PDB file of N, CA and C in Angstrom:
ATOM      1  N   MET A   1       0.829  -1.173   0.000  1.00  0.00           N
ATOM      2  CA  MET A   1       0.000   0.000   0.000  1.00  0.00           C
ATOM      3  C   MET A   1       0.881   1.247   0.000  1.00  0.00           C
ATOM      4  N   ASP A   2       0.389   2.266  -0.610  1.00  0.00           N
ATOM      5  CA  ASP A   2       1.136   3.516  -0.737  1.00  0.00           C
ATOM      6  C   ASP A   2       1.270   4.186   0.636  1.00  0.00           C
ATOM      7  N   GLU A   3       2.499   4.539   1.009  1.00  0.00           N
ATOM      8  CA  GLU A   3       2.753   5.169   2.315  1.00  0.00           C
ATOM      9  C   GLU A   3       2.113   6.549   2.410  1.00  0.00           C
ATOM     10  N   GLY A   4       2.103   7.269   1.318  1.00  0.00           N
ATOM     11  CA  GLY A   4       1.482   8.597   1.331  1.00  0.00           C
ATOM     12  C   GLY A   4      -0.007   8.511   1.611  1.00  0.00           C
ATOM     13  N   LEU A   5      -0.666   7.533   1.000  1.00  0.00           N
ATOM     14  CA  LEU A   5      -2.093   7.330   1.225  1.00  0.00           C
ATOM     15  C   LEU A   5      -2.358   6.892   2.663  1.00  0.00           C
ATOM     16  N   LYS A   6      -1.477   6.050   3.184  1.00  0.00           N
ATOM     17  CA  LYS A   6      -1.601   5.574   4.563  1.00  0.00           C
ATOM     18  C   LYS A   6      -1.448   6.734   5.546  1.00  0.00           C
ATOM     19  N   ASN A   7      -0.439   7.575   5.306  1.00  0.00           N
ATOM     20  CA  ASN A   7      -0.224   8.738   6.169  1.00  0.00           C
ATOM     21  C   ASN A   7      -1.407   9.696   6.108  1.00  0.00           C
ATOM     22  N   LYS A   8      -1.930   9.910   4.905  1.00  0.00           N
ATOM     23  CA  LYS A   8      -3.078  10.794   4.732  1.00  0.00           C
ATOM     24  C   LYS A   8      -4.279  10.247   5.498  1.00  0.00           C
ATOM     25  N   ALA A   9      -4.493   8.927   5.414  1.00  0.00           N
ATOM     26  CA  ALA A   9      -5.622   8.310   6.099  1.00  0.00           C
ATOM     27  C   ALA A   9      -5.480   8.460   7.617  1.00  0.00           C
ATOM     28  N   TYR A  10      -4.283   8.215   8.137  1.00  0.00           N
ATOM     29  CA  TYR A  10      -4.078   8.325   9.583  1.00  0.00           C
ATOM     30  C   TYR A  10      -4.208   9.767  10.057  1.00  0.00           C
ATOM     31  N   LEU A  11      -3.655  10.704   9.319  1.00  0.00           N
ATOM     32  CA  LEU A  11      -3.757  12.105   9.721  1.00  0.00           C
ATOM     33  C   LEU A  11      -5.199  12.586   9.712  1.00  0.00           C
ATOM     34  N   GLU A  12      -5.918  12.243   8.678  1.00  0.00           N
ATOM     35  CA  GLU A  12      -7.319  12.649   8.586  1.00  0.00           C
ATOM     36  C   GLU A  12      -8.146  11.956   9.674  1.00  0.00           C
ATOM     37  N   GLY A  13      -7.886  10.673   9.891  1.00  0.00           N
ATOM     38  CA  GLY A  13      -8.606   9.942  10.926  1.00  0.00           C
ATOM     39  C   GLY A  13      -8.347  10.506  12.314  1.00  0.00           C
ATOM     40  N   MET A  14      -7.097  10.838  12.620  1.00  0.00           N
ATOM     41  CA  MET A  14      -6.771  11.420  13.927  1.00  0.00           C
ATOM     42  C   MET A  14      -7.419  12.785  14.089  1.00  0.00           C
ATOM     43  N   ARG A  15      -7.425  13.565  13.020  1.00  0.00           N
ATOM     44  CA  ARG A  15      -8.043  14.889  13.086  1.00  0.00           C
ATOM     45  C   ARG A  15      -9.536  14.772  13.377  1.00  0.00           C
ATOM     46  N   LEU A  16     -10.189  13.861  12.699  1.00  0.00           N
ATOM     47  CA  LEU A  16     -11.624  13.680  12.908  1.00  0.00           C
ATOM     48  C   LEU A  16     -11.924  13.080  14.281  1.00  0.00           C
ATOM     49  N   LYS A  17     -11.073  12.167  14.750  1.00  0.00           N
ATOM     50  CA  LYS A  17     -11.269  11.555  16.069  1.00  0.00           C
ATOM     51  C   LYS A  17     -11.120  12.604  17.170  1.00  0.00           C
ATOM     52  N   LYS A  18     -10.130  13.492  17.015  1.00  0.00           N
ATOM     53  CA  LYS A  18      -9.940  14.552  18.004  1.00  0.00           C
ATOM     54  C   LYS A  18     -11.078  15.560  17.968  1.00  0.00           C
ATOM     55  N   ALA A  19     -11.713  15.700  16.807  1.00  0.00           N
ATOM     56  CA  ALA A  19     -12.846  16.608  16.689  1.00  0.00           C
ATOM     57  C   ALA A  19     -14.101  16.021  17.334  1.00  0.00           C
ATOM     58  N   GLY A  20     -14.053  14.743  17.695  1.00  0.00           N
ATOM     59  CA  GLY A  20     -15.168  14.139  18.404  1.00  0.00           C
ATOM     60  C   GLY A  20     -16.106  13.314  17.559  1.00  0.00           C
ATOM     61  N   TYR A  21     -15.740  13.032  16.325  1.00  0.00           N
ATOM     62  CA  TYR A  21     -16.611  12.225  15.470  1.00  0.00           C
ATOM     63  C   TYR A  21     -16.499  10.759  15.834  1.00  0.00           C
ATOM     64  N   ASP A  22     -17.599  10.014  15.616  1.00  0.00           N
ATOM     65  CA  ASP A  22     -17.557   8.582  15.885  1.00  0.00           C
ATOM     66  C   ASP A  22     -17.030   7.841  14.658  1.00  0.00           C
ATOM     67  N   ASN A  23     -16.848   6.536  14.805  1.00  0.00           N
ATOM     68  CA  ASN A  23     -16.189   5.746  13.762  1.00  0.00           C
ATOM     69  C   ASN A  23     -16.951   5.718  12.447  1.00  0.00           C
ATOM     70  N   GLU A  24     -18.290   5.727  12.511  1.00  0.00           N
ATOM     71  CA  GLU A  24     -19.068   5.687  11.269  1.00  0.00           C
ATOM     72  C   GLU A  24     -18.867   6.948  10.438  1.00  0.00           C
ATOM     73  N   VAL A  25     -18.822   8.089  11.098  1.00  0.00           N
ATOM     74  CA  VAL A  25     -18.612   9.349  10.392  1.00  0.00           C
ATOM     75  C   VAL A  25     -17.202   9.402   9.809  1.00  0.00           C
ATOM     76  N   ILE A  26     -16.241   8.957  10.593  1.00  0.00           N
ATOM     77  CA  ILE A  26     -14.856   8.935  10.106  1.00  0.00           C
ATOM     78  C   ILE A  26     -14.741   7.994   8.911  1.00  0.00           C
ATOM     79  N   PHE A  27     -15.399   6.837   8.996  1.00  0.00           N
ATOM     80  CA  PHE A  27     -15.381   5.875   7.892  1.00  0.00           C
ATOM     81  C   PHE A  27     -15.948   6.512   6.622  1.00  0.00           C
ATOM     82  N   ALA A  28     -17.078   7.201   6.754  1.00  0.00           N
ATOM     83  CA  ALA A  28     -17.705   7.825   5.583  1.00  0.00           C
ATOM     84  C   ALA A  28     -16.830   8.927   5.001  1.00  0.00           C
ATOM     85  N   ARG A  29     -16.251   9.733   5.860  1.00  0.00           N
ATOM     86  CA  ARG A  29     -15.406  10.833   5.358  1.00  0.00           C
ATOM     87  C   ARG A  29     -14.152  10.310   4.666  1.00  0.00           C
ATOM     88  N   LEU A  30     -13.534   9.284   5.253  1.00  0.00           N
ATOM     89  CA  LEU A  30     -12.335   8.732   4.626  1.00  0.00           C
ATOM     90  C   LEU A  30     -12.684   8.024   3.316  1.00  0.00           C
ATOM     91  N   GLU A  31     -13.840   7.390   3.290  1.00  0.00           N
ATOM     92  CA  GLU A  31     -14.269   6.713   2.063  1.00  0.00           C
ATOM     93  C   GLU A  31     -14.525   7.722   0.947  1.00  0.00           C
ATOM     94  N   LYS A  32     -15.046   8.888   1.304  1.00  0.00           N
ATOM     95  CA  LYS A  32     -15.294   9.948   0.320  1.00  0.00           C
ATOM     96  C   LYS A  32     -14.006  10.438  -0.330  1.00  0.00           C
ATOM     97  N   THR A  33     -12.914  10.411   0.449  1.00  0.00           N
ATOM     98  CA  THR A  33     -11.646  10.911  -0.084  1.00  0.00           C
ATOM     99  C   THR A  33     -10.942   9.879  -0.959  1.00  0.00           C
ATOM    100  N   GLY A  34     -11.530   8.682  -1.092  1.00  0.00           N
ATOM    101  CA  GLY A  34     -10.965   7.674  -1.986  1.00  0.00           C
ATOM    102  C   GLY A  34      -9.991   6.718  -1.336  1.00  0.00           C
ATOM    103  N   ILE A  35     -10.052   6.603  -0.034  1.00  0.00           N
ATOM    104  CA  ILE A  35      -9.173   5.678   0.681  1.00  0.00           C
ATOM    105  C   ILE A  35      -9.833   4.303   0.677  1.00  0.00           C
ATOM    106  N   PRO A  36      -9.071   3.245   0.414  1.00  0.00           N
ATOM    107  CA  PRO A  36      -9.655   1.890   0.372  1.00  0.00           C
ATOM    108  C   PRO A  36     -10.259   1.478   1.717  1.00  0.00           C
ATOM    109  N   GLU A  37     -11.283   0.636   1.630  1.00  0.00           N
ATOM    110  CA  GLU A  37     -12.039   0.230   2.807  1.00  0.00           C
ATOM    111  C   GLU A  37     -11.188  -0.533   3.825  1.00  0.00           C
ATOM    112  N   ASP A  38     -10.313  -1.403   3.356  1.00  0.00           N
ATOM    113  CA  ASP A  38      -9.484  -2.165   4.298  1.00  0.00           C
ATOM    114  C   ASP A  38      -8.516  -1.261   5.064  1.00  0.00           C
ATOM    115  N   LEU A  39      -8.008  -0.228   4.413  1.00  0.00           N
ATOM    116  CA  LEU A  39      -7.130   0.725   5.085  1.00  0.00           C
ATOM    117  C   LEU A  39      -7.916   1.548   6.102  1.00  0.00           C
ATOM    118  N   ILE A  40      -9.151   1.905   5.759  1.00  0.00           N
ATOM    119  CA  ILE A  40      -9.985   2.667   6.693  1.00  0.00           C
ATOM    120  C   ILE A  40     -10.257   1.842   7.942  1.00  0.00           C
ATOM    121  N   LYS A  41     -10.562   0.563   7.764  1.00  0.00           N
ATOM    122  CA  LYS A  41     -10.810  -0.304   8.923  1.00  0.00           C
ATOM    123  C   LYS A  41      -9.571  -0.418   9.796  1.00  0.00           C
ATOM    124  N   GLN A  42      -8.414  -0.523   9.167  1.00  0.00           N
ATOM    125  CA  GLN A  42      -7.159  -0.603   9.916  1.00  0.00           C
ATOM    126  C   GLN A  42      -6.906   0.691  10.684  1.00  0.00           C
ATOM    127  N   VAL A  43      -7.156   1.818  10.040  1.00  0.00           N
ATOM    128  CA  VAL A  43      -6.966   3.119  10.682  1.00  0.00           C
ATOM    129  C   VAL A  43      -7.896   3.251  11.887  1.00  0.00           C
ATOM    130  N   LEU A  44      -9.161   2.907  11.714  1.00  0.00           N
ATOM    131  CA  LEU A  44     -10.124   3.022  12.810  1.00  0.00           C
ATOM    132  C   LEU A  44      -9.766   2.094  13.975  1.00  0.00           C
ATOM    133  N   LYS A  45      -9.317   0.910  13.655  1.00  0.00           N
ATOM    134  CA  LYS A  45      -8.916  -0.043  14.700  1.00  0.00           C
ATOM    135  C   LYS A  45      -7.724   0.496  15.487  1.00  0.00           C
ATOM    136  N   ASN A  46      -6.726   1.001  14.773  1.00  0.00           N
ATOM    137  CA  ASN A  46      -5.534   1.535  15.440  1.00  0.00           C
ATOM    138  C   ASN A  46      -5.846   2.786  16.249  1.00  0.00           C
ATOM    139  N   LEU A  47      -6.722   3.646  15.738  1.00  0.00           N
ATOM    140  CA  LEU A  47      -7.102   4.847  16.477  1.00  0.00           C
ATOM    141  C   LEU A  47      -7.861   4.479  17.753  1.00  0.00           C
ATOM    142  N   SER A  48      -8.723   3.476  17.679  1.00  0.00           N
ATOM    143  CA  SER A  48      -9.465   3.046  18.868  1.00  0.00           C
ATOM    144  C   SER A  48      -8.527   2.459  19.909  1.00  0.00           C
ATOM    145  N   ILE A  49      -7.569   1.663  19.461  1.00  0.00           N
ATOM    146  CA  ILE A  49      -6.594   1.085  20.385  1.00  0.00           C
ATOM    147  C   ILE A  49      -5.763   2.185  21.034  1.00  0.00           C
ATOM    148  N   GLN A  50      -5.358   3.170  20.252  1.00  0.00           N
ATOM    149  CA  GLN A  50      -4.559   4.267  20.787  1.00  0.00           C
ATOM    150  C   GLN A  50      -5.359   5.093  21.789  1.00  0.00           C
ATOM    151  N   GLN A  51      -6.627   5.343  21.480  1.00  0.00           N
ATOM    152  CA  GLN A  51      -7.475   6.101  22.401  1.00  0.00           C
ATOM    153  C   GLN A  51      -7.650   5.337  23.711  1.00  0.00           C
ATOM    154  N   ARG A  52      -7.835   4.049  23.624  1.00  0.00           N
ATOM    155  CA  ARG A  52      -7.989   3.200  24.807  1.00  0.00           C
ATOM    156  C   ARG A  52      -6.714   3.207  25.659  1.00  0.00           C
ATOM    157  N   THR A  53      -5.568   3.120  24.996  1.00  0.00           N
ATOM    158  CA  THR A  53      -4.278   3.151  25.693  1.00  0.00           C
ATOM    159  C   THR A  53      -4.076   4.487  26.402  1.00  0.00           C
ATOM    160  N   ASP A  54      -4.469   5.567  25.755  1.00  0.00           N
ATOM    161  CA  ASP A  54      -4.341   6.891  26.371  1.00  0.00           C
ATOM    162  C   ASP A  54      -5.218   7.020  27.616  1.00  0.00           C
ATOM    163  N   ILE A  55      -6.431   6.483  27.555  1.00  0.00           N
ATOM    164  CA  ILE A  55      -7.330   6.545  28.714  1.00  0.00           C
ATOM    165  C   ILE A  55      -6.735   5.770  29.884  1.00  0.00           C
ATOM    166  N   ILE A  56      -6.210   4.594  29.612  1.00  0.00           N
ATOM    167  CA  ILE A  56      -5.611   3.782  30.684  1.00  0.00           C
ATOM    168  C   ILE A  56      -4.402   4.494  31.267  1.00  0.00           C
ATOM    169  N   LYS A  57      -3.597   5.098  30.404  1.00  0.00           N
ATOM    170  CA  LYS A  57      -2.401   5.798  30.873  1.00  0.00           C
ATOM    171  C   LYS A  57      -2.776   6.997  31.751  1.00  0.00           C
ATOM    172  N   GLU A  58      -3.885   7.679  31.427  1.00  0.00           N
ATOM    173  CA  GLU A  58      -4.319   8.818  32.229  1.00  0.00           C
ATOM    174  C   GLU A  58      -4.904   8.388  33.569  1.00  0.00           C
ATOM    175  N   GLU A  59      -5.615   7.272  33.603  1.00  0.00           N
ATOM    176  CA  GLU A  59      -6.310   6.846  34.810  1.00  0.00           C
ATOM    177  C   GLU A  59      -5.451   6.036  35.775  1.00  0.00           C
ATOM    178  N   LYS A  60      -4.356   5.486  35.316  1.00  0.00           N
ATOM    179  CA  LYS A  60      -3.528   4.610  36.153  1.00  0.00           C
ATOM    180  C   LYS A  60      -3.049   5.299  37.439  1.00  0.00           C
ATOM    181  N   PRO A  61      -2.556   6.548  37.409  1.00  0.00           N
ATOM    182  CA  PRO A  61      -2.130   7.182  38.668  1.00  0.00           C
ATOM    183  C   PRO A  61      -3.280   7.360  39.662  1.00  0.00           C
ATOM    184  N   PHE A  62      -4.493   7.663  39.176  1.00  0.00           N
ATOM    185  CA  PHE A  62      -5.632   7.833  40.070  1.00  0.00           C
ATOM    186  C   PHE A  62      -6.017   6.503  40.729  1.00  0.00           C
ATOM    187  N   PHE A  63      -5.922   5.434  39.962  1.00  0.00           N
ATOM    188  CA  PHE A  63      -6.204   4.113  40.507  1.00  0.00           C
ATOM    189  C   PHE A  63      -5.178   3.753  41.578  1.00  0.00           C
ATOM    190  N   ASN A  64      -3.920   4.054  41.322  1.00  0.00           N
ATOM    191  CA  ASN A  64      -2.868   3.766  42.308  1.00  0.00           C
ATOM    192  C   ASN A  64      -3.065   4.577  43.587  1.00  0.00           C
ATOM    193  N   ILE A  65      -3.493   5.818  43.459  1.00  0.00           N
ATOM    194  CA  ILE A  65      -3.760   6.646  44.642  1.00  0.00           C
ATOM    195  C   ILE A  65      -4.925   6.068  45.439  1.00  0.00           C
ATOM    196  N   ALA A  66      -5.934   5.572  44.746  1.00  0.00           N
ATOM    197  CA  ALA A  66      -7.081   4.975  45.437  1.00  0.00           C
ATOM    198  C   ALA A  66      -6.659   3.742  46.226  1.00  0.00           C
ATOM    199  N   ILE A  67      -5.839   2.913  45.616  1.00  0.00           N
ATOM    200  CA  ILE A  67      -5.335   1.722  46.321  1.00  0.00           C
ATOM    201  C   ILE A  67      -4.486   2.139  47.520  1.00  0.00           C
ATOM    202  N   LEU A  68      -3.696   3.181  47.368  1.00  0.00           N
ATOM    203  CA  LEU A  68      -2.885   3.687  48.479  1.00  0.00           C
ATOM    204  C   LEU A  68      -3.776   4.190  49.614  1.00  0.00           C
ATOM    205  N   LYS A  69      -4.881   4.888  49.267  1.00  0.00           N
ATOM    206  CA  LYS A  69      -5.808   5.360  50.301  1.00  0.00           C
ATOM    207  C   LYS A  69      -6.407   4.197  51.076  1.00  0.00           C
ATOM    208  N   ILE A  70      -6.733   3.130  50.373  1.00  0.00           N
ATOM    209  CA  ILE A  70      -7.286   1.949  51.047  1.00  0.00           C
ATOM    210  C   ILE A  70      -6.244   1.365  51.996  1.00  0.00           C
ATOM    211  N   GLY A  71      -5.000   1.273  51.529  1.00  0.00           N
ATOM    212  CA  GLY A  71      -3.925   0.745  52.365  1.00  0.00           C
ATOM    213  C   GLY A  71      -3.683   1.591  53.589  1.00  0.00           C
ATOM    214  N   VAL A  72      -3.665   2.901  53.414  1.00  0.00           N
ATOM    215  CA  VAL A  72      -3.457   3.805  54.553  1.00  0.00           C
ATOM    216  C   VAL A  72      -4.632   3.692  55.525  1.00  0.00           C
ATOM    217  N   GLY A  73      -5.840   3.584  54.993  1.00  0.00           N
ATOM    218  CA  GLY A  73      -7.013   3.433  55.853  1.00  0.00           C
ATOM    219  C   GLY A  73      -6.969   2.164  56.674  1.00  0.00           C
ATOM    220  N   VAL A  74      -6.565   1.066  56.054  1.00  0.00           N
ATOM    221  CA  VAL A  74      -6.448  -0.202  56.787  1.00  0.00           C
ATOM    222  C   VAL A  74      -5.359  -0.097  57.852  1.00  0.00           C
ATOM    223  N   PHE A  75      -4.240   0.508  57.491  1.00  0.00           N
ATOM    224  CA  PHE A  75      -3.152   0.689  58.461  1.00  0.00           C
ATOM    225  C   PHE A  75      -3.610   1.546  59.641  1.00  0.00           C
ATOM    226  N   LEU A  76      -4.292   2.656  59.360  1.00  0.00           N
ATOM    227  CA  LEU A  76      -4.781   3.511  60.442  1.00  0.00           C
ATOM    228  C   LEU A  76      -5.841   2.810  61.278  1.00  0.00           C
ATOM    229  N   ALA A  77      -6.638   1.964  60.654  1.00  0.00           N
ATOM    230  CA  ALA A  77      -7.636   1.211  61.417  1.00  0.00           C
ATOM    231  C   ALA A  77      -6.964   0.266  62.395  1.00  0.00           C
ATOM    232  N   ILE A  78      -5.917  -0.399  61.938  1.00  0.00           N
ATOM    233  CA  ILE A  78      -5.188  -1.315  62.819  1.00  0.00           C
ATOM    234  C   ILE A  78      -4.522  -0.550  63.957  1.00  0.00           C
ATOM    235  N   VAL A  79      -3.888   0.571  63.636  1.00  0.00           N
ATOM    236  CA  VAL A  79      -3.217   1.376  64.661  1.00  0.00           C
ATOM    237  C   VAL A  79      -4.233   1.964  65.632  1.00  0.00           C
ATOM    238  N   SER A  80      -5.371   2.446  65.108  1.00  0.00           N
ATOM    239  CA  SER A  80      -6.352   3.092  65.994  1.00  0.00           C
ATOM    240  C   SER A  80      -7.019   2.103  66.941  1.00  0.00           C
ATOM    241  N   VAL A  81      -7.070   0.840  66.571  1.00  0.00           N
ATOM    242  CA  VAL A  81      -7.625  -0.163  67.482  1.00  0.00           C
ATOM    243  C   VAL A  81      -6.779  -0.239  68.755  1.00  0.00           C
ATOM    244  N   PHE A  82      -5.474  -0.101  68.601  1.00  0.00           N
ATOM    245  CA  PHE A  82      -4.593  -0.190  69.763  1.00  0.00           C
ATOM    246  C   PHE A  82      -4.428   1.137  70.488  1.00  0.00           C
ATOM    247  N   VAL A  83      -4.372   2.240  69.753  1.00  0.00           N
ATOM    248  CA  VAL A  83      -4.113   3.544  70.369  1.00  0.00           C
ATOM    249  C   VAL A  83      -5.399   4.192  70.866  1.00  0.00           C
ATOM    250  N   TYR A  84      -6.394   4.325  69.994  1.00  0.00           N
ATOM    251  CA  TYR A  84      -7.678   4.942  70.339  1.00  0.00           C
ATOM    252  C   TYR A  84      -8.806   3.983  69.958  1.00  0.00           C
ATOM    253  N   PRO A  85      -9.202   3.113  70.828  1.00  0.00           N
ATOM    254  CA  PRO A  85     -10.197   2.098  70.473  1.00  0.00           C
ATOM    255  C   PRO A  85     -11.551   2.666  70.018  1.00  0.00           C
ATOM    256  N   ASN A  86     -11.924   3.848  70.449  1.00  0.00           N
ATOM    257  CA  ASN A  86     -13.237   4.404  70.095  1.00  0.00           C
ATOM    258  C   ASN A  86     -13.203   5.346  68.893  1.00  0.00           C
ATOM    259  N   HIS A  87     -12.041   5.599  68.297  1.00  0.00           N
ATOM    260  CA  HIS A  87     -11.924   6.528  67.165  1.00  0.00           C
ATOM    261  C   HIS A  87     -11.683   5.735  65.878  1.00  0.00           C
ATOM    262  N   PHE A  88     -12.736   5.458  65.175  1.00  0.00           N
ATOM    263  CA  PHE A  88     -12.601   4.672  63.942  1.00  0.00           C
ATOM    264  C   PHE A  88     -13.170   5.401  62.732  1.00  0.00           C
ATOM    265  N   TYR A  89     -13.540   6.657  62.876  1.00  0.00           N
ATOM    266  CA  TYR A  89     -14.175   7.386  61.773  1.00  0.00           C
ATOM    267  C   TYR A  89     -13.202   7.698  60.643  1.00  0.00           C
ATOM    268  N   LEU A  90     -12.008   8.149  60.951  1.00  0.00           N
ATOM    269  CA  LEU A  90     -11.021   8.480  59.914  1.00  0.00           C
ATOM    270  C   LEU A  90     -10.650   7.275  59.054  1.00  0.00           C
ATOM    271  N   PRO A  91     -10.309   6.132  59.639  1.00  0.00           N
ATOM    272  CA  PRO A  91      -9.980   4.979  58.788  1.00  0.00           C
ATOM    273  C   PRO A  91     -11.153   4.513  57.923  1.00  0.00           C
ATOM    274  N   ILE A  92     -12.358   4.551  58.464  1.00  0.00           N
ATOM    275  CA  ILE A  92     -13.519   4.122  57.682  1.00  0.00           C
ATOM    276  C   ILE A  92     -13.722   5.063  56.495  1.00  0.00           C
ATOM    277  N   GLY A  93     -13.540   6.346  56.717  1.00  0.00           N
ATOM    278  CA  GLY A  93     -13.677   7.311  55.627  1.00  0.00           C
ATOM    279  C   GLY A  93     -12.622   7.110  54.549  1.00  0.00           C
ATOM    280  N   LEU A  94     -11.395   6.856  54.961  1.00  0.00           N
ATOM    281  CA  LEU A  94     -10.330   6.622  53.982  1.00  0.00           C
ATOM    282  C   LEU A  94     -10.564   5.340  53.193  1.00  0.00           C
ATOM    283  N   ILE A  95     -10.970   4.296  53.886  1.00  0.00           N
ATOM    284  CA  ILE A  95     -11.190   3.016  53.201  1.00  0.00           C
ATOM    285  C   ILE A  95     -12.366   3.132  52.235  1.00  0.00           C
ATOM    286  N   ALA A  96     -13.481   3.688  52.704  1.00  0.00           N
ATOM    287  CA  ALA A  96     -14.660   3.821  51.835  1.00  0.00           C
ATOM    288  C   ALA A  96     -14.375   4.750  50.654  1.00  0.00           C
ATOM    289  N   GLY A  97     -13.719   5.865  50.927  1.00  0.00           N
ATOM    290  CA  GLY A  97     -13.376   6.788  49.841  1.00  0.00           C
ATOM    291  C   GLY A  97     -12.433   6.159  48.834  1.00  0.00           C
ATOM    292  N   GLY A  98     -11.469   5.403  49.325  1.00  0.00           N
ATOM    293  CA  GLY A  98     -10.530   4.720  48.434  1.00  0.00           C
ATOM    294  C   GLY A  98     -11.202   3.675  47.581  1.00  0.00           C
ATOM    295  N   ILE A  99     -12.125   2.926  48.171  1.00  0.00           N
ATOM    296  CA  ILE A  99     -12.838   1.901  47.403  1.00  0.00           C
ATOM    297  C   ILE A  99     -13.702   2.535  46.316  1.00  0.00           C
ATOM    298  N   ILE A 100     -14.426   3.586  46.666  1.00  0.00           N
ATOM    299  CA  ILE A 100     -15.262   4.266  45.673  1.00  0.00           C
ATOM    300  C   ILE A 100     -14.401   4.852  44.567  1.00  0.00           C
ATOM    301  N   TYR A 101     -13.314   5.482  44.939  1.00  0.00           N
ATOM    302  CA  TYR A 101     -12.403   6.089  43.968  1.00  0.00           C
ATOM    303  C   TYR A 101     -11.779   5.030  43.061  1.00  0.00           C
ATOM    304  N   ALA A 102     -11.443   3.877  43.638  1.00  0.00           N
ATOM    305  CA  ALA A 102     -10.864   2.786  42.847  1.00  0.00           C
ATOM    306  C   ALA A 102     -11.874   2.230  41.858  1.00  0.00           C
ATOM    307  N   PHE A 103     -13.137   2.061  42.295  1.00  0.00           N
ATOM    308  CA  PHE A 103     -14.166   1.565  41.376  1.00  0.00           C
ATOM    309  C   PHE A 103     -14.413   2.533  40.225  1.00  0.00           C
ATOM    310  N   ILE A 104     -14.462   3.821  40.521  1.00  0.00           N
ATOM    311  CA  ILE A 104     -14.681   4.816  39.468  1.00  0.00           C
ATOM    312  C   ILE A 104     -13.521   4.811  38.482  1.00  0.00           C
ATOM    313  N   SER A 105     -12.313   4.808  39.005  1.00  0.00           N
ATOM    314  CA  SER A 105     -11.133   4.818  38.137  1.00  0.00           C
ATOM    315  C   SER A 105     -11.034   3.527  37.326  1.00  0.00           C
ATOM    316  N   HIS A 106     -11.337   2.403  37.940  1.00  0.00           N
ATOM    317  CA  HIS A 106     -11.276   1.127  37.245  1.00  0.00           C
ATOM    318  C   HIS A 106     -12.332   1.044  36.136  1.00  0.00           C
ATOM    319  N   SER A 107     -13.508   1.586  36.402  1.00  0.00           N
ATOM    320  CA  SER A 107     -14.558   1.560  35.369  1.00  0.00           C
ATOM    321  C   SER A 107     -14.180   2.446  34.180  1.00  0.00           C
ATOM    322  N   LYS A 108     -13.481   3.539  34.433  1.00  0.00           N
ATOM    323  CA  LYS A 108     -13.015   4.382  33.323  1.00  0.00           C
ATOM    324  C   LYS A 108     -11.947   3.655  32.508  1.00  0.00           C
ATOM    325  N   MET A 109     -11.072   2.925  33.196  1.00  0.00           N
ATOM    326  CA  MET A 109     -10.022   2.199  32.481  1.00  0.00           C
ATOM    327  C   MET A 109     -10.591   1.002  31.721  1.00  0.00           C
ATOM    328  N   LYS A 110     -11.619   0.394  32.277  1.00  0.00           N
ATOM    329  CA  LYS A 110     -12.204  -0.796  31.654  1.00  0.00           C
ATOM    330  C   LYS A 110     -13.019  -0.425  30.422  1.00  0.00           C
ATOM    331  N   GLY A 111     -13.670   0.699  30.479  1.00  0.00           N
ATOM    332  CA  GLY A 111     -14.265   1.174  29.279  1.00  0.00           C
ATOM    333  C   GLY A 111     -15.689   1.289  29.132  1.00  0.00           C
TER     334      GLY A 111
END
């Protein structure tokens, strides 16, 4: 396949994807410009994979922070049992907040 045509297809596809168009619209626009159907499918597949990878890369630090909050909450719960037996509000808040934050972040990464 011609490299110039491939580059044109990827550049146009990325431009349209960043503009917020869905795959059907991108497919129609690329088809109008005379790009072969198999190349369009390849471009759309690669753009979707790249978008998915970017989302995971953005959400990974938030997920790690949520897991850290859960760990700190469990640690504080264990310590507070020995030091302050009646003070358990802070660890419960950290654990619950961490779990909720982890579920939200995980659902964004999962898709």
